[in-house]
PDB file of all heavy atoms in Angstrom:
ATOM      1  N   ASN A   1     -65.413-124.260   1.432  1.00  0.00           N
ATOM      2  CA  ASN A   1     -65.101-125.536   0.817  1.00  0.00           C
ATOM      3  C   ASN A   1     -63.653-125.590   0.323  1.00  0.00           C
ATOM      4  O   ASN A   1     -62.940-126.579   0.427  1.00  0.00           O
ATOM      5  CB  ASN A   1     -66.043-125.884  -0.310  1.00  0.00           C
ATOM      6  CG  ASN A   1     -67.446-126.137   0.186  1.00  0.00           C
ATOM      7  OD1 ASN A   1     -67.637-126.565   1.323  1.00  0.00           O
ATOM      8  ND2 ASN A   1     -68.462-125.856  -0.634  1.00  0.00           N
ATOM      9  N   ALA A   2     -63.193-124.443  -0.222  1.00  0.00           N
ATOM     10  CA  ALA A   2     -61.791-124.347  -0.716  1.00  0.00           C
ATOM     11  C   ALA A   2     -60.801-124.478   0.447  1.00  0.00           C
ATOM     12  O   ALA A   2     -59.797-125.167   0.340  1.00  0.00           O
ATOM     13  CB  ALA A   2     -61.582-123.040  -1.444  1.00  0.00           C
ATOM     14  N   LEU A   3     -61.118-123.806   1.560  1.00  0.00           N
ATOM     15  CA  LEU A   3     -60.255-123.954   2.726  1.00  0.00           C
ATOM     16  C   LEU A   3     -60.273-125.342   3.292  1.00  0.00           C
ATOM     17  O   LEU A   3     -59.268-125.877   3.704  1.00  0.00           O
ATOM     18  CB  LEU A   3     -60.690-122.936   3.824  1.00  0.00           C
ATOM     19  CG  LEU A   3     -60.436-121.441   3.545  1.00  0.00           C
ATOM     20  CD1 LEU A   3     -61.032-120.578   4.627  1.00  0.00           C
ATOM     21  CD2 LEU A   3     -58.943-121.159   3.391  1.00  0.00           C
ATOM     22  N   ARG A   4     -61.451-125.965   3.285  1.00  0.00           N
ATOM     23  CA  ARG A   4     -61.593-127.334   3.794  1.00  0.00           C
ATOM     24  C   ARG A   4     -60.740-128.260   2.940  1.00  0.00           C
ATOM     25  O   ARG A   4     -60.030-129.139   3.475  1.00  0.00           O
ATOM     26  CB  ARG A   4     -63.038-127.768   3.757  1.00  0.00           C
ATOM     27  CG  ARG A   4     -63.258-129.213   4.287  1.00  0.00           C
ATOM     28  CD  ARG A   4     -64.679-129.685   4.173  1.00  0.00           C
ATOM     29  NE  ARG A   4     -65.574-128.922   5.060  1.00  0.00           N
ATOM     30  CZ  ARG A   4     -66.541-128.087   4.653  1.00  0.00           C
ATOM     31  NH1 ARG A   4     -66.724-127.895   3.341  1.00  0.00           N
ATOM     32  NH2 ARG A   4     -67.290-127.472   5.530  1.00  0.00           N
ATOM     33  N   THR A   5     -60.787-128.105   1.618  1.00  0.00           N
ATOM     34  CA  THR A   5     -59.986-128.955   0.746  1.00  0.00           C
ATOM     35  C   THR A   5     -58.513-128.747   0.978  1.00  0.00           C
ATOM     36  O   THR A   5     -57.747-129.707   1.054  1.00  0.00           O
ATOM     37  CB  THR A   5     -60.327-128.606  -0.740  1.00  0.00           C
ATOM     38  OG1 THR A   5     -61.710-128.865  -0.974  1.00  0.00           O
ATOM     39  CG2 THR A   5     -59.483-129.463  -1.681  1.00  0.00           C
ATOM     40  N   ARG A   6     -58.077-127.478   1.105  1.00  0.00           N
ATOM     41  CA  ARG A   6     -56.670-127.202   1.404  1.00  0.00           C
ATOM     42  C   ARG A   6     -56.237-127.839   2.703  1.00  0.00           C
ATOM     43  O   ARG A   6     -55.164-128.412   2.812  1.00  0.00           O
ATOM     44  CB  ARG A   6     -56.412-125.695   1.457  1.00  0.00           C
ATOM     45  CG  ARG A   6     -56.279-125.020   0.123  1.00  0.00           C
ATOM     46  CD  ARG A   6     -56.087-123.516   0.321  1.00  0.00           C
ATOM     47  NE  ARG A   6     -54.939-123.243   1.183  1.00  0.00           N
ATOM     48  CZ  ARG A   6     -54.758-122.067   1.763  1.00  0.00           C
ATOM     49  NH1 ARG A   6     -55.569-121.075   1.571  1.00  0.00           N
ATOM     50  NH2 ARG A   6     -53.663-121.891   2.508  1.00  0.00           N
ATOM     51  N   PHE A   7     -57.107-127.760   3.711  1.00  0.00           N
ATOM     52  CA  PHE A   7     -56.781-128.339   5.011  1.00  0.00           C
ATOM     53  C   PHE A   7     -56.634-129.875   4.928  1.00  0.00           C
ATOM     54  O   PHE A   7     -55.675-130.411   5.451  1.00  0.00           O
ATOM     55  CB  PHE A   7     -57.864-127.957   6.033  1.00  0.00           C
ATOM     56  CG  PHE A   7     -57.735-128.706   7.328  1.00  0.00           C
ATOM     57  CD1 PHE A   7     -56.762-128.357   8.254  1.00  0.00           C
ATOM     58  CD2 PHE A   7     -58.565-129.766   7.640  1.00  0.00           C
ATOM     59  CE1 PHE A   7     -56.613-129.036   9.436  1.00  0.00           C
ATOM     60  CE2 PHE A   7     -58.439-130.437   8.859  1.00  0.00           C
ATOM     61  CZ  PHE A   7     -57.463-130.069   9.745  1.00  0.00           C
ATOM     62  N   LEU A   8     -57.584-130.501   4.238  1.00  0.00           N
ATOM     63  CA  LEU A   8     -57.506-131.971   4.153  1.00  0.00           C
ATOM     64  C   LEU A   8     -56.337-132.418   3.330  1.00  0.00           C
ATOM     65  O   LEU A   8     -55.736-133.460   3.621  1.00  0.00           O
ATOM     66  CB  LEU A   8     -58.830-132.490   3.523  1.00  0.00           C
ATOM     67  CG  LEU A   8     -60.076-132.305   4.397  1.00  0.00           C
ATOM     68  CD1 LEU A   8     -61.319-132.749   3.655  1.00  0.00           C
ATOM     69  CD2 LEU A   8     -59.976-133.052   5.738  1.00  0.00           C
ATOM     70  N   ASN A   9     -55.943-131.654   2.313  1.00  0.00           N
ATOM     71  CA  ASN A   9     -54.779-131.991   1.516  1.00  0.00           C
ATOM     72  C   ASN A   9     -53.488-131.795   2.315  1.00  0.00           C
ATOM     73  O   ASN A   9     -52.509-132.535   2.142  1.00  0.00           O
ATOM     74  CB  ASN A   9     -54.739-131.151   0.240  1.00  0.00           C
ATOM     75  CG  ASN A   9     -55.759-131.538  -0.776  1.00  0.00           C
ATOM     76  OD1 ASN A   9     -56.286-132.644  -0.709  1.00  0.00           O
ATOM     77  ND2 ASN A   9     -56.092-130.634  -1.688  1.00  0.00           N
ATOM     78  N   LEU A  10     -53.516-130.791   3.146  1.00  0.00           N
ATOM     79  CA  LEU A  10     -52.307-130.495   3.955  1.00  0.00           C
ATOM     80  C   LEU A  10     -52.213-131.332   5.174  1.00  0.00           C
ATOM     81  O   LEU A  10     -51.135-131.608   5.698  1.00  0.00           O
ATOM     82  CB  LEU A  10     -52.315-129.005   4.385  1.00  0.00           C
ATOM     83  CG  LEU A  10     -50.994-128.366   4.756  1.00  0.00           C
ATOM     84  CD1 LEU A  10     -49.993-128.427   3.572  1.00  0.00           C
ATOM     85  CD2 LEU A  10     -51.200-126.939   5.187  1.00  0.00           C
ATOM     86  N   ASN A  11     -53.338-131.842   5.637  1.00  0.00           N
ATOM     87  CA  ASN A  11     -53.384-132.657   6.836  1.00  0.00           C
ATOM     88  C   ASN A  11     -52.496-133.889   6.642  1.00  0.00           C
ATOM     89  O   ASN A  11     -52.648-134.654   5.724  1.00  0.00           O
ATOM     90  CB  ASN A  11     -54.820-133.141   7.111  1.00  0.00           C
ATOM     91  CG  ASN A  11     -54.973-133.686   8.523  1.00  0.00           C
ATOM     92  OD1 ASN A  11     -54.165-133.417   9.366  1.00  0.00           O
ATOM     93  ND2 ASN A  11     -55.991-134.479   8.708  1.00  0.00           N
ATOM     94  N   GLY A  12     -51.544-134.056   7.536  1.00  0.00           N
ATOM     95  CA  GLY A  12     -50.569-135.131   7.367  1.00  0.00           C
ATOM     96  C   GLY A  12     -49.237-134.619   6.977  1.00  0.00           C
ATOM     97  O   GLY A  12     -48.234-135.304   7.083  1.00  0.00           O
ATOM     98  N   ALA A  13     -49.135-133.370   6.516  1.00  0.00           N
ATOM     99  CA  ALA A  13     -47.872-132.768   6.160  1.00  0.00           C
ATOM    100  C   ALA A  13     -47.384-131.928   7.296  1.00  0.00           C
ATOM    101  O   ALA A  13     -46.520-132.277   8.090  1.00  0.00           O
ATOM    102  CB  ALA A  13     -47.977-132.003   4.869  1.00  0.00           C
ATOM    103  N   LYS A  14     -48.028-130.765   7.452  1.00  0.00           N
ATOM    104  CA  LYS A  14     -47.592-129.847   8.484  1.00  0.00           C
ATOM    105  C   LYS A  14     -48.650-129.529   9.534  1.00  0.00           C
ATOM    106  O   LYS A  14     -48.320-129.135  10.625  1.00  0.00           O
ATOM    107  CB  LYS A  14     -47.175-128.481   7.873  1.00  0.00           C
ATOM    108  CG  LYS A  14     -45.920-128.559   7.018  1.00  0.00           C
ATOM    109  CD  LYS A  14     -45.558-127.158   6.521  1.00  0.00           C
ATOM    110  CE  LYS A  14     -44.378-127.194   5.634  1.00  0.00           C
ATOM    111  NZ  LYS A  14     -44.027-125.879   5.126  1.00  0.00           N
ATOM    112  N   VAL A  15     -49.916-129.723   9.176  1.00  0.00           N
ATOM    113  CA  VAL A  15     -50.964-129.405  10.106  1.00  0.00           C
ATOM    114  C   VAL A  15     -51.327-130.640  10.894  1.00  0.00           C
ATOM    115  O   VAL A  15     -51.569-131.693  10.332  1.00  0.00           O
ATOM    116  CB  VAL A  15     -52.188-128.850   9.358  1.00  0.00           C
ATOM    117  CG1 VAL A  15     -53.306-128.520  10.323  1.00  0.00           C
ATOM    118  CG2 VAL A  15     -51.818-127.642   8.549  1.00  0.00           C
ATOM    119  N   ASP A  16     -51.379-130.527  12.225  1.00  0.00           N
ATOM    120  CA  ASP A  16     -51.679-131.689  13.033  1.00  0.00           C
ATOM    121  C   ASP A  16     -53.157-132.033  12.907  1.00  0.00           C
ATOM    122  O   ASP A  16     -53.926-131.370  12.255  1.00  0.00           O
ATOM    123  CB  ASP A  16     -51.237-131.519  14.493  1.00  0.00           C
ATOM    124  CG  ASP A  16     -51.916-130.362  15.169  1.00  0.00           C
ATOM    125  OD1 ASP A  16     -53.008-129.971  14.668  1.00  0.00           O
ATOM    126  OD2 ASP A  16     -51.451-129.851  16.157  1.00  0.00           O
ATOM    127  N   HIS A  17     -53.549-133.111  13.598  1.00  0.00           N
ATOM    128  CA  HIS A  17     -54.887-133.704  13.354  1.00  0.00           C
ATOM    129  C   HIS A  17     -55.887-133.335  14.452  1.00  0.00           C
ATOM    130  O   HIS A  17     -56.917-133.999  14.597  1.00  0.00           O
ATOM    131  CB  HIS A  17     -54.760-135.226  13.261  1.00  0.00           C
ATOM    132  CG  HIS A  17     -54.372-135.848  14.581  1.00  0.00           C
ATOM    133  ND1 HIS A  17     -53.174-135.627  15.153  1.00  0.00           N
ATOM    134  CD2 HIS A  17     -55.089-136.639  15.415  1.00  0.00           C
ATOM    135  CE1 HIS A  17     -53.117-136.303  16.304  1.00  0.00           C
ATOM    136  NE2 HIS A  17     -54.269-136.916  16.492  1.00  0.00           N
ATOM    137  N   ILE A  18     -55.617-132.310  15.221  1.00  0.00           N
ATOM    138  CA  ILE A  18     -56.477-132.029  16.361  1.00  0.00           C
ATOM    139  C   ILE A  18     -57.864-131.585  15.928  1.00  0.00           C
ATOM    140  O   ILE A  18     -58.853-132.005  16.445  1.00  0.00           O
ATOM    141  CB  ILE A  18     -55.833-130.977  17.264  1.00  0.00           C
ATOM    142  CG1 ILE A  18     -54.566-131.564  17.881  1.00  0.00           C
ATOM    143  CG2 ILE A  18     -56.775-130.497  18.323  1.00  0.00           C
ATOM    144  CD1 ILE A  18     -53.706-130.573  18.591  1.00  0.00           C
ATOM    145  N   PHE A  19     -57.924-130.725  14.880  1.00  0.00           N
ATOM    146  CA  PHE A  19     -59.213-130.257  14.431  1.00  0.00           C
ATOM    147  C   PHE A  19     -59.775-131.288  13.485  1.00  0.00           C
ATOM    148  O   PHE A  19     -59.300-131.508  12.401  1.00  0.00           O
ATOM    149  CB  PHE A  19     -59.059-128.904  13.714  1.00  0.00           C
ATOM    150  CG  PHE A  19     -60.335-128.380  13.142  1.00  0.00           C
ATOM    151  CD1 PHE A  19     -61.279-127.813  14.014  1.00  0.00           C
ATOM    152  CD2 PHE A  19     -60.604-128.409  11.807  1.00  0.00           C
ATOM    153  CE1 PHE A  19     -62.486-127.308  13.497  1.00  0.00           C
ATOM    154  CE2 PHE A  19     -61.782-127.914  11.295  1.00  0.00           C
ATOM    155  CZ  PHE A  19     -62.707-127.348  12.151  1.00  0.00           C
ATOM    156  N   LYS A  20     -60.855-131.976  13.904  1.00  0.00           N
ATOM    157  CA  LYS A  20     -61.401-133.061  13.116  1.00  0.00           C
ATOM    158  C   LYS A  20     -62.926-132.971  13.082  1.00  0.00           C
ATOM    159  O   LYS A  20     -63.548-132.749  14.105  1.00  0.00           O
ATOM    160  CB  LYS A  20     -61.004-134.433  13.690  1.00  0.00           C
ATOM    161  CG  LYS A  20     -59.625-134.822  13.287  1.00  0.00           C
ATOM    162  CD  LYS A  20     -59.583-135.265  11.871  1.00  0.00           C
ATOM    163  CE  LYS A  20     -58.194-135.659  11.447  1.00  0.00           C
ATOM    164  NZ  LYS A  20     -58.139-136.004  10.064  1.00  0.00           N
ATOM    165  N   LYS A  21     -63.470-133.092  11.916  1.00  0.00           N
ATOM    166  CA  LYS A  21     -64.933-133.217  11.804  1.00  0.00           C
ATOM    167  C   LYS A  21     -65.250-134.712  12.012  1.00  0.00           C
ATOM    168  O   LYS A  21     -64.397-135.580  11.868  1.00  0.00           O
ATOM    169  CB  LYS A  21     -65.380-132.749  10.428  1.00  0.00           C
ATOM    170  CG  LYS A  21     -65.360-131.277  10.300  1.00  0.00           C
ATOM    171  CD  LYS A  21     -66.432-130.697  11.174  1.00  0.00           C
ATOM    172  CE  LYS A  21     -66.209-129.254  11.460  1.00  0.00           C
ATOM    173  NZ  LYS A  21     -67.059-128.764  12.518  1.00  0.00           N
ATOM    174  N   ALA A  22     -66.519-134.998  12.321  1.00  0.00           N
ATOM    175  CA  ALA A  22     -66.920-136.359  12.641  1.00  0.00           C
ATOM    176  C   ALA A  22     -66.570-137.337  11.533  1.00  0.00           C
ATOM    177  O   ALA A  22     -66.169-138.467  11.774  1.00  0.00           O
ATOM    178  CB  ALA A  22     -68.427-136.401  12.929  1.00  0.00           C
ATOM    179  N   GLU A  23     -66.709-136.877  10.270  1.00  0.00           N
ATOM    180  CA  GLU A  23     -66.463-137.799   9.163  1.00  0.00           C
ATOM    181  C   GLU A  23     -65.033-138.215   9.063  1.00  0.00           C
ATOM    182  O   GLU A  23     -64.685-139.185   8.406  1.00  0.00           O
ATOM    183  CB  GLU A  23     -66.967-137.255   7.822  1.00  0.00           C
ATOM    184  CG  GLU A  23     -66.251-135.970   7.409  1.00  0.00           C
ATOM    185  CD  GLU A  23     -67.017-134.709   7.858  1.00  0.00           C
ATOM    186  OE1 GLU A  23     -67.711-134.801   8.858  1.00  0.00           O
ATOM    187  OE2 GLU A  23     -66.892-133.690   7.181  1.00  0.00           O
ATOM    188  N   ASP A  24     -64.099-137.453   9.701  1.00  0.00           N
ATOM    189  CA  ASP A  24     -62.666-137.777   9.599  1.00  0.00           C
ATOM    190  C   ASP A  24     -62.164-138.410  10.892  1.00  0.00           C
ATOM    191  O   ASP A  24     -60.955-138.656  11.036  1.00  0.00           O
ATOM    192  CB  ASP A  24     -61.855-136.480   9.369  1.00  0.00           C
ATOM    193  CG  ASP A  24     -62.218-135.852   8.035  1.00  0.00           C
ATOM    194  OD1 ASP A  24     -62.433-136.598   7.089  1.00  0.00           O
ATOM    195  OD2 ASP A  24     -62.240-134.617   7.997  1.00  0.00           O
ATOM    196  N   ALA A  25     -63.051-138.766  11.799  1.00  0.00           N
ATOM    197  CA  ALA A  25     -62.627-139.221  13.110  1.00  0.00           C
ATOM    198  C   ALA A  25     -61.834-140.507  13.021  1.00  0.00           C
ATOM    199  O   ALA A  25     -61.006-140.787  13.871  1.00  0.00           O
ATOM    200  CB  ALA A  25     -63.836-139.412  14.037  1.00  0.00           C
ATOM    201  N   ASP A  26     -62.074-141.343  11.985  1.00  0.00           N
ATOM    202  CA  ASP A  26     -61.405-142.598  11.918  1.00  0.00           C
ATOM    203  C   ASP A  26     -60.071-142.476  11.176  1.00  0.00           C
ATOM    204  O   ASP A  26     -59.388-143.451  10.943  1.00  0.00           O
ATOM    205  CB  ASP A  26     -62.272-143.609  11.209  1.00  0.00           C
ATOM    206  CG  ASP A  26     -62.651-143.201   9.795  1.00  0.00           C
ATOM    207  OD1 ASP A  26     -62.535-141.987   9.532  1.00  0.00           O
ATOM    208  OD2 ASP A  26     -63.077-144.050   9.024  1.00  0.00           O
ATOM    209  N   GLN A  27     -59.684-141.285  10.826  1.00  0.00           N
ATOM    210  CA  GLN A  27     -58.417-141.109  10.082  1.00  0.00           C
ATOM    211  C   GLN A  27     -57.379-140.380  10.921  1.00  0.00           C
ATOM    212  O   GLN A  27     -56.394-139.920  10.390  1.00  0.00           O
ATOM    213  CB  GLN A  27     -58.664-140.322   8.805  1.00  0.00           C
ATOM    214  CG  GLN A  27     -59.650-140.976   7.888  1.00  0.00           C
ATOM    215  CD  GLN A  27     -59.945-140.112   6.678  1.00  0.00           C
ATOM    216  OE1 GLN A  27     -59.381-139.047   6.520  1.00  0.00           O
ATOM    217  NE2 GLN A  27     -60.826-140.550   5.843  1.00  0.00           N
ATOM    218  N   ASP A  28     -57.586-140.272  12.211  1.00  0.00           N
ATOM    219  CA  ASP A  28     -56.751-139.370  12.956  1.00  0.00           C
ATOM    220  C   ASP A  28     -55.391-139.979  13.330  1.00  0.00           C
ATOM    221  O   ASP A  28     -54.648-139.423  14.079  1.00  0.00           O
ATOM    222  CB  ASP A  28     -57.445-138.880  14.251  1.00  0.00           C
ATOM    223  CG  ASP A  28     -57.821-140.064  15.142  1.00  0.00           C
ATOM    224  OD1 ASP A  28     -57.558-141.223  14.786  1.00  0.00           O
ATOM    225  OD2 ASP A  28     -58.423-139.795  16.220  1.00  0.00           O
ATOM    226  N   THR A  29     -55.024-141.115  12.718  1.00  0.00           N
ATOM    227  CA  THR A  29     -53.699-141.638  12.918  1.00  0.00           C
ATOM    228  C   THR A  29     -52.911-141.647  11.644  1.00  0.00           C
ATOM    229  O   THR A  29     -51.858-142.258  11.543  1.00  0.00           O
ATOM    230  CB  THR A  29     -53.765-143.080  13.500  1.00  0.00           C
ATOM    231  OG1 THR A  29     -54.533-143.874  12.596  1.00  0.00           O
ATOM    232  CG2 THR A  29     -54.390-143.083  14.840  1.00  0.00           C
ATOM    233  N   ASP A  30     -53.381-140.895  10.624  1.00  0.00           N
ATOM    234  CA  ASP A  30     -52.746-140.948   9.328  1.00  0.00           C
ATOM    235  C   ASP A  30     -51.772-139.818   9.072  1.00  0.00           C
ATOM    236  O   ASP A  30     -51.453-139.501   7.956  1.00  0.00           O
ATOM    237  CB  ASP A  30     -53.800-140.924   8.199  1.00  0.00           C
ATOM    238  CG  ASP A  30     -54.716-142.103   8.256  1.00  0.00           C
ATOM    239  OD1 ASP A  30     -54.313-143.097   8.874  1.00  0.00           O
ATOM    240  OD2 ASP A  30     -55.832-142.043   7.650  1.00  0.00           O
ATOM    241  N   TRP A  31     -51.262-139.244  10.145  1.00  0.00           N
ATOM    242  CA  TRP A  31     -50.415-138.074   9.897  1.00  0.00           C
ATOM    243  C   TRP A  31     -48.984-138.260  10.343  1.00  0.00           C
ATOM    244  O   TRP A  31     -48.325-137.383  10.830  1.00  0.00           O
ATOM    245  CB  TRP A  31     -51.032-136.840  10.609  1.00  0.00           C
ATOM    246  CG  TRP A  31     -51.038-136.956  12.098  1.00  0.00           C
ATOM    247  CD1 TRP A  31     -51.817-137.783  12.828  1.00  0.00           C
ATOM    248  CD2 TRP A  31     -50.239-136.241  13.039  1.00  0.00           C
ATOM    249  NE1 TRP A  31     -51.549-137.595  14.182  1.00  0.00           N
ATOM    250  CE2 TRP A  31     -50.569-136.706  14.314  1.00  0.00           C
ATOM    251  CE3 TRP A  31     -49.258-135.273  12.914  1.00  0.00           C
ATOM    252  CZ2 TRP A  31     -49.959-136.219  15.482  1.00  0.00           C
ATOM    253  CZ3 TRP A  31     -48.649-134.782  14.066  1.00  0.00           C
ATOM    254  CH2 TRP A  31     -49.018-135.249  15.342  1.00  0.00           C
ATOM    255  N   GLU A  32     -48.456-139.506  10.150  1.00  0.00           N
ATOM    256  CA  GLU A  32     -47.083-139.754  10.533  1.00  0.00           C
ATOM    257  C   GLU A  32     -46.145-138.776   9.776  1.00  0.00           C
ATOM    258  O   GLU A  32     -46.415-138.403   8.667  1.00  0.00           O
ATOM    259  CB  GLU A  32     -46.651-141.181  10.169  1.00  0.00           C
ATOM    260  CG  GLU A  32     -47.327-142.234  11.007  1.00  0.00           C
ATOM    261  CD  GLU A  32     -48.556-142.763  10.330  1.00  0.00           C
ATOM    262  OE1 GLU A  32     -49.460-141.977  10.113  1.00  0.00           O
ATOM    263  OE2 GLU A  32     -48.602-143.969  10.012  1.00  0.00           O
ATOM    264  N   SER A  33     -45.061-138.459  10.450  1.00  0.00           N
ATOM    265  CA  SER A  33     -44.074-137.531   9.824  1.00  0.00           C
ATOM    266  C   SER A  33     -43.453-138.249   8.630  1.00  0.00           C
ATOM    267  O   SER A  33     -43.067-139.417   8.701  1.00  0.00           O
ATOM    268  CB  SER A  33     -43.012-137.189  10.870  1.00  0.00           C
ATOM    269  OG  SER A  33     -41.970-136.457  10.245  1.00  0.00           O
TER     270      SER A  33
END
């Protein structure tokens, strides 16, 4: 859970959006530079 939280917090900064769980599928365009 700690890693998941870190990933979701970092998502949109440096980590791209390729790895997505189903609940995040509708947010995969929120990672603009």
